[in-house]
Amino acid sequence: MGMTDEEAEMHDLLSDIKHHLRTSEASNILLIGDIMMDCYIHGYANNLNSRAPVPVLRETSRENDVGAAAHVARGLKSMQMQPHLFGIVGDDEAGMNIIEALEHEGVSTDGIAIVEDRTTTVKTRMLASRESLIREEQLLLRWDIEDDHPVPVEASAAMYEQAMAALQGCDALVMSDYGQGVVTDNGSETMFKAAKAQGIPVIADPKLTGLHRTEGVDWILFQSQGLELMRRRVGAATGSEAAAKLIEQHGWKHLVVLAGEAGVTIYSAEEETVHAPCGLLDLRQMIGLIDAAAVAIAFALSKSMSVNMTALLANAACECILGAEKTDGFVLSRDDLIQRISEQAWNLQVSKR
């Protein structure tokens, strides 16, 4: 039995995506957002504490990795795009380590402001399994170190002024908001207006409390939990109804919903809804899902891909994250995506033999 017309169309789209991934044309992506350090502590949790019902972690390894907007920048660079990253770190060890790590990988740090006496955000995750059992690690605890003071007005203004000067000629603008104060009302409004005037598409990963900053944005990224929360807030009966209301209310062109094992759905203001199902059976973790999707969409926009192709590429990027053995050190690359897209195309062919 051969493929249906719909499956054949999808196979052709996957082939087109692979062709784009194999081209070497560079693109420039302007990226503004919060920058932080991610720390992962691995070990075994064989016993409970004798004084409290909590596990005792015996550490076996520890890794540090750049996170948030810096992680997006690494992904863009590994996809052979040229990220222009703008953000803020403190003049502490974590901030210097982030800059050193980015420079080592060829990511320009000229747009990163170093603020004196500011604490760089560090998110530490403790992951463990039972030593006697063969099973995946589980997250035991996460603790955050961050600065409670707002970003200095002078540093923020200088950063946005520098970002504005770098906007011309970029293929996309990405705003990565983790609620640390880099993405501001005035900064967002200024950048979005300039991007619109220059015909540069905008991708935004907003906090739900910052949706007022996203008026008229081209591509908005949500995880499924975020859409469900907004469904309740707007009084919609379904996620699709909520998406339609949000798109109309904020003037978005596309809302991309990442749902893990349920795949990726793109709701659009002027096009039909597109869904790309997840093809994985074994989901290992979800850390970095939105970052990977932002990278994939930026690449798709730089190649003028259709919404259908963008959904398939974003879904493949999410599958790379969902199937990763470890969160630390994982960077989405073209090779990862080519392999995943090839597997999806092969599965379509095999299922009809």
Protein backbone atom coordinates (compact mmCIF):
# COMPACT_ATOMS: atom_id res chain seq x y z
CA MET A 1 0.00 0.00 0.00
CA GLY A 2 1.39 3.41 -0.97
CA MET A 3 1.23 6.65 0.93
CA THR A 4 -1.95 8.70 0.94
CA ASP A 5 -1.93 12.08 -0.78
CA GLU A 6 -1.57 13.78 2.62
CA GLU A 7 1.37 11.56 3.59
CA ALA A 8 3.02 12.05 0.22
CA GLU A 9 2.69 15.81 0.63
CA MET A 10 4.26 15.61 4.08
CA HIS A 11 7.10 13.48 2.72
CA ASP A 12 7.77 16.11 0.04
CA LEU A 13 7.76 18.87 2.66
CA LEU A 14 10.24 16.94 4.80
CA SER A 15 12.48 16.51 1.76
CA ASP A 16 12.32 20.26 1.09
CA ILE A 17 13.22 20.98 4.72
CA LYS A 18 16.26 18.71 4.47
CA HIS A 19 17.34 20.58 1.34
CA HIS A 20 17.16 23.90 3.21
CA LEU A 21 19.05 22.47 6.18
CA ARG A 22 21.88 21.35 3.90
CA THR A 23 22.35 24.76 2.30
CA SER A 24 25.16 26.89 3.71
CA GLU A 25 23.70 30.37 3.23
CA ALA A 26 24.25 32.41 6.40
CA SER A 27 21.52 34.48 8.03
CA ASN A 28 21.64 37.16 10.73
CA ILE A 29 19.37 36.88 13.77
CA LEU A 30 19.04 39.64 16.36
CA LEU A 31 18.40 38.16 19.80
CA ILE A 32 17.46 40.12 22.93
CA GLY A 33 16.74 38.48 26.25
CA ASP A 34 17.67 37.32 29.70
CA ILE A 35 21.00 35.54 30.06
CA MET A 36 21.69 33.02 32.80
CA MET A 37 23.84 30.08 33.82
CA ASP A 38 22.39 26.58 34.15
CA CYS A 39 24.08 24.20 36.56
CA TYR A 40 23.35 20.45 36.57
CA ILE A 41 24.33 18.24 39.50
CA HIS A 42 24.03 14.50 38.84
CA GLY A 43 24.23 11.65 41.30
CA TYR A 44 22.55 8.77 43.09
CA ALA A 45 19.72 9.06 45.59
CA ASN A 46 19.76 5.73 47.39
CA ASN A 47 18.64 6.78 50.86
CA LEU A 48 16.35 9.12 52.73
CA ASN A 49 17.70 11.59 55.23
CA SER A 50 17.40 10.25 58.78
CA ARG A 51 16.02 13.56 60.08
CA ALA A 52 13.60 14.48 57.30
CA PRO A 53 11.72 12.67 54.52
CA VAL A 54 14.01 13.93 51.77
CA PRO A 55 16.45 12.03 49.52
CA VAL A 56 20.18 12.26 50.04
CA LEU A 57 22.02 12.99 46.80
CA ARG A 58 25.48 11.50 46.36
CA GLU A 59 27.01 13.69 43.67
CA THR A 60 28.84 12.00 40.80
CA SER A 61 29.22 14.86 38.31
CA ARG A 62 28.49 18.53 37.79
CA GLU A 63 28.22 20.64 34.62
CA ASN A 64 27.65 24.31 33.91
CA ASP A 65 25.98 25.52 30.74
CA VAL A 66 24.72 28.82 29.36
CA GLY A 67 20.95 29.21 29.59
CA ALA A 68 17.93 31.22 28.44
CA ALA A 69 18.78 33.67 25.61
CA ALA A 70 22.42 32.55 25.67
CA HIS A 71 21.25 28.99 24.99
CA VAL A 72 19.17 30.23 22.07
CA ALA A 73 22.26 32.03 20.73
CA ARG A 74 24.28 28.81 20.90
CA GLY A 75 21.54 26.99 19.02
CA LEU A 76 21.45 29.65 16.31
CA LYS A 77 25.22 29.46 15.94
CA SER A 78 25.21 25.66 15.76
CA MET A 79 22.60 25.95 13.00
CA GLN A 80 25.18 28.03 11.10
CA MET A 81 23.23 31.25 11.59
CA GLN A 82 24.85 34.40 12.94
CA PRO A 83 23.27 35.46 16.26
CA HIS A 84 23.65 39.03 17.52
CA LEU A 85 22.95 38.58 21.23
CA PHE A 86 21.98 41.45 23.53
CA GLY A 87 21.52 41.00 27.25
CA ILE A 88 22.95 41.71 30.68
CA VAL A 89 25.13 39.79 33.15
CA GLY A 90 26.81 40.70 36.41
CA ASP A 91 30.52 41.18 36.94
CA ASP A 92 30.66 37.94 38.92
CA GLU A 93 32.13 34.51 38.19
CA ALA A 94 28.93 33.21 36.55
CA GLY A 95 28.72 36.21 34.24
CA MET A 96 32.34 35.89 33.16
CA ASN A 97 31.93 32.15 32.62
CA ILE A 98 28.93 32.75 30.35
CA ILE A 99 30.86 35.24 28.23
CA GLU A 100 33.87 32.93 28.03
CA ALA A 101 31.71 29.96 27.01
CA LEU A 102 29.94 31.94 24.28
CA GLU A 103 33.16 33.36 22.89
CA HIS A 104 34.68 29.88 22.85
CA GLU A 105 31.84 28.77 20.58
CA GLY A 106 32.13 31.75 18.28
CA VAL A 107 29.09 33.66 19.55
CA SER A 108 29.73 37.40 19.66
CA THR A 109 29.37 38.90 23.14
CA ASP A 110 29.69 42.54 22.06
CA GLY A 111 26.03 43.13 22.89
CA ILE A 112 26.22 41.75 26.43
CA ALA A 113 26.43 44.49 29.06
CA ILE A 114 28.40 43.68 32.22
CA VAL A 115 26.77 45.48 35.17
CA GLU A 116 28.95 46.13 38.20
CA ASP A 117 27.82 44.52 41.47
CA ARG A 118 24.94 42.70 39.77
CA THR A 119 24.30 39.01 40.46
CA THR A 120 24.06 36.85 37.35
CA THR A 121 21.11 34.47 37.46
CA VAL A 122 22.12 30.85 38.09
CA LYS A 123 19.59 28.01 38.01
CA THR A 124 20.83 24.79 39.59
CA ARG A 125 19.09 21.47 39.03
CA MET A 126 19.81 18.33 41.05
CA LEU A 127 19.06 15.12 39.14
CA ALA A 128 19.43 11.58 40.43
CA SER A 129 18.43 7.95 40.09
CA ARG A 130 18.70 4.91 42.35
CA GLU A 131 22.11 3.31 41.90
CA SER A 132 20.63 -0.20 41.97
CA LEU A 133 18.03 0.53 39.29
CA ILE A 134 18.46 1.07 35.55
CA ARG A 135 16.23 4.06 34.93
CA GLU A 136 16.35 7.66 33.84
CA GLU A 137 17.34 10.43 36.21
CA GLN A 138 14.64 12.42 37.97
CA LEU A 139 14.73 16.05 38.98
CA LEU A 140 14.96 16.28 42.77
CA LEU A 141 15.33 20.01 43.29
CA ARG A 142 15.95 23.29 41.53
CA TRP A 143 17.20 26.39 43.27
CA ASP A 144 17.78 29.83 41.79
CA ILE A 145 20.24 32.60 42.52
CA GLU A 146 19.14 35.89 41.00
CA ASP A 147 19.25 39.64 41.52
CA ASP A 148 16.10 41.20 42.96
CA HIS A 149 17.09 44.69 41.81
CA PRO A 150 15.83 45.97 38.45
CA VAL A 151 18.23 46.31 35.57
CA PRO A 152 19.81 49.79 35.75
CA VAL A 153 18.04 52.20 33.42
CA GLU A 154 21.31 53.40 31.89
CA ALA A 155 22.48 49.87 31.07
CA SER A 156 19.10 48.94 29.58
CA ALA A 157 18.92 52.09 27.43
CA ALA A 158 22.45 51.60 26.12
CA MET A 159 21.77 47.95 25.30
CA TYR A 160 18.60 48.73 23.34
CA GLU A 161 20.33 51.58 21.50
CA GLN A 162 23.08 49.19 20.42
CA ALA A 163 20.50 46.54 19.44
CA MET A 164 18.59 49.05 17.34
CA ALA A 165 21.75 49.87 15.42
CA ALA A 166 22.29 46.15 14.71
CA LEU A 167 18.74 45.45 13.53
CA GLN A 168 19.10 46.54 9.92
CA GLY A 169 19.75 43.62 7.58
CA CYS A 170 18.70 40.92 10.05
CA ASP A 171 16.45 38.07 8.95
CA ALA A 172 14.52 37.88 12.24
CA LEU A 173 14.28 39.41 15.70
CA VAL A 174 13.93 37.06 18.67
CA MET A 175 12.83 38.29 22.11
CA SER A 176 13.49 35.75 24.87
CA ASP A 177 11.79 36.87 28.10
CA TYR A 178 12.53 34.90 31.27
CA GLY A 179 11.27 37.63 33.59
CA GLN A 180 14.71 38.87 34.66
CA GLY A 181 14.16 42.47 33.53
CA VAL A 182 16.01 42.66 30.22
CA VAL A 183 12.83 42.66 28.11
CA THR A 184 11.08 45.92 28.97
CA ASP A 185 7.90 47.65 27.81
CA ASN A 186 9.68 50.57 26.14
CA GLY A 187 12.45 48.41 24.70
CA SER A 188 10.02 45.91 23.20
CA GLU A 189 7.81 48.60 21.71
CA THR A 190 10.76 50.38 20.12
CA MET A 191 12.30 47.21 18.68
CA PHE A 192 9.01 45.81 17.38
CA LYS A 193 8.11 49.06 15.63
CA ALA A 194 11.52 49.22 13.99
CA ALA A 195 11.35 45.57 12.93
CA LYS A 196 7.91 46.05 11.43
CA ALA A 197 9.06 49.14 9.52
CA GLN A 198 11.95 47.14 8.06
CA GLY A 199 9.87 44.05 7.28
CA ILE A 200 11.77 41.91 9.80
CA PRO A 201 9.63 39.15 11.41
CA VAL A 202 9.56 38.98 15.21
CA ILE A 203 9.59 35.81 17.33
CA ALA A 204 8.70 36.26 21.01
CA ASP A 205 8.90 33.85 23.91
CA PRO A 206 6.97 35.90 26.48
CA LYS A 207 6.12 35.45 30.10
CA LEU A 208 2.34 35.26 30.47
CA THR A 209 2.56 38.39 32.62
CA GLY A 210 4.26 40.19 29.73
CA LEU A 211 1.77 39.59 26.93
CA HIS A 212 1.02 43.32 26.82
CA ARG A 213 4.50 43.76 25.33
CA THR A 214 3.74 41.50 22.35
CA GLU A 215 1.17 43.51 20.41
CA GLY A 216 1.42 42.77 16.69
CA VAL A 217 4.20 40.17 17.03
CA ASP A 218 4.51 37.71 14.14
CA TRP A 219 5.34 34.52 16.05
CA ILE A 220 4.48 33.83 19.70
CA LEU A 221 5.71 30.71 21.53
CA PHE A 222 3.68 28.99 24.25
CA GLN A 223 3.96 25.66 25.96
CA SER A 224 0.68 23.79 26.26
CA GLN A 225 0.41 24.59 29.97
CA GLY A 226 0.53 28.28 29.13
CA LEU A 227 -2.29 27.99 26.60
CA GLU A 228 -4.38 26.06 29.11
CA LEU A 229 -3.89 28.78 31.72
CA MET A 230 -4.82 31.46 29.20
CA ARG A 231 -7.87 29.41 28.15
CA ARG A 232 -9.18 29.71 31.69
CA ARG A 233 -8.36 33.41 31.86
CA VAL A 234 -10.20 34.31 28.65
CA GLY A 235 -13.11 31.96 29.39
CA ALA A 236 -12.68 29.80 26.27
CA ALA A 237 -14.09 26.30 26.00
CA THR A 238 -11.14 24.86 24.05
CA GLY A 239 -7.51 25.59 23.38
CA SER A 240 -8.32 26.43 19.77
CA GLU A 241 -10.90 28.98 20.86
CA ALA A 242 -8.43 30.48 23.34
CA ALA A 243 -5.76 30.72 20.64
CA ALA A 244 -8.16 32.52 18.31
CA LYS A 245 -9.12 35.00 21.04
CA LEU A 246 -5.50 35.70 21.95
CA ILE A 247 -4.48 36.17 18.32
CA GLU A 248 -7.31 38.66 17.79
CA GLN A 249 -6.74 40.45 21.09
CA HIS A 250 -3.01 40.98 20.62
CA GLY A 251 -2.79 41.14 16.84
CA TRP A 252 -0.44 38.17 16.57
CA LYS A 253 0.07 36.49 13.20
CA HIS A 254 0.95 33.05 14.56
CA LEU A 255 0.75 31.30 17.94
CA VAL A 256 3.00 28.24 18.23
CA VAL A 257 1.99 25.79 20.97
CA LEU A 258 4.52 23.18 22.09
CA ALA A 259 2.80 20.21 23.71
CA GLY A 260 5.56 17.63 24.22
CA GLU A 261 4.21 14.20 23.33
CA ALA A 262 1.23 15.88 21.62
CA GLY A 263 3.47 17.63 19.11
CA VAL A 264 3.43 21.20 17.80
CA THR A 265 0.40 23.23 16.71
CA ILE A 266 0.51 26.57 14.91
CA TYR A 267 -2.61 28.74 15.08
CA SER A 268 -2.63 31.60 12.57
CA ALA A 269 -4.62 34.78 12.04
CA GLU A 270 -5.04 34.30 8.30
CA GLU A 271 -4.17 30.64 7.64
CA GLU A 272 -5.48 27.24 8.61
CA THR A 273 -4.29 25.67 11.84
CA VAL A 274 -1.35 23.30 11.30
CA HIS A 275 -0.45 20.39 13.58
CA ALA A 276 2.73 18.29 13.53
CA PRO A 277 2.43 15.16 15.73
CA CYS A 278 5.28 14.00 17.92
CA GLY A 279 6.70 10.71 16.68
CA LEU A 280 8.60 9.75 19.84
CA LEU A 281 7.48 7.01 22.19
CA ASP A 282 10.12 7.59 24.86
CA LEU A 283 10.19 11.19 26.13
CA ARG A 284 13.19 11.79 28.38
CA GLN A 285 13.03 15.48 29.30
CA MET A 286 11.63 18.88 28.25
CA ILE A 287 14.23 21.44 29.40
CA GLY A 288 15.08 23.77 26.50
CA LEU A 289 11.97 23.01 24.45
CA ILE A 290 11.05 26.63 23.74
CA ASP A 291 14.67 27.56 23.02
CA ALA A 292 14.88 24.82 20.37
CA ALA A 293 11.58 25.88 18.81
CA ALA A 294 12.72 29.51 18.65
CA VAL A 295 15.90 28.45 16.84
CA ALA A 296 13.93 26.30 14.38
CA ILE A 297 11.43 29.06 13.62
CA ALA A 298 14.20 31.62 13.13
CA PHE A 299 15.83 29.25 10.64
CA ALA A 300 12.50 28.66 8.88
CA LEU A 301 11.87 32.39 8.55
CA SER A 302 15.35 32.97 7.18
CA LYS A 303 14.54 30.43 4.43
CA SER A 304 10.99 31.78 3.81
CA MET A 305 9.43 28.42 4.69
CA SER A 306 5.67 27.94 4.73
CA VAL A 307 3.72 27.54 7.97
CA ASN A 308 3.43 23.80 7.28
CA MET A 309 7.17 23.44 6.91
CA THR A 310 7.78 25.63 9.95
CA ALA A 311 5.55 23.39 12.07
CA LEU A 312 7.38 20.27 10.90
CA LEU A 313 10.79 21.82 11.57
CA ALA A 314 9.78 23.12 15.01
CA ASN A 315 8.37 19.71 15.87
CA ALA A 316 11.60 18.01 14.80
CA ALA A 317 13.58 20.44 16.96
CA CYS A 318 11.33 19.64 19.92
CA GLU A 319 11.79 15.93 19.33
CA CYS A 320 15.57 16.42 19.49
CA ILE A 321 15.11 17.94 22.95
CA LEU A 322 12.52 15.43 24.13
CA GLY A 323 14.74 12.51 23.13
CA ALA A 324 18.03 13.90 24.47
CA GLU A 325 19.88 11.72 26.96
CA LYS A 326 20.97 14.70 29.06
CA THR A 327 19.95 18.33 29.25
CA ASP A 328 23.38 19.72 30.06
CA GLY A 329 25.58 20.53 27.10
CA PHE A 330 22.93 19.70 24.49
CA VAL A 331 22.88 22.16 21.60
CA LEU A 332 20.48 21.81 18.70
CA SER A 333 22.37 21.50 15.41
CA ARG A 334 21.66 21.09 11.72
CA ASP A 335 22.92 17.51 11.89
CA ASP A 336 20.42 16.75 14.68
CA LEU A 337 17.57 18.16 12.64
CA ILE A 338 18.61 16.51 9.39
CA GLN A 339 18.75 13.15 11.17
CA ARG A 340 15.38 13.66 12.83
CA ILE A 341 13.70 14.85 9.61
CA SER A 342 15.20 11.85 7.77
CA GLU A 343 13.80 9.49 10.41
CA GLN A 344 10.35 11.05 10.05
CA ALA A 345 10.45 10.68 6.25
CA TRP A 346 11.65 7.07 6.57
CA ASN A 347 8.87 6.25 9.02
CA LEU A 348 6.31 7.48 6.50
CA GLN A 349 7.73 5.17 3.86
CA VAL A 350 8.11 2.13 6.14
CA SER A 351 4.61 2.39 7.57
CA LYS A 352 3.16 1.88 4.08
CA ARG A 353 5.26 -1.09 3.02
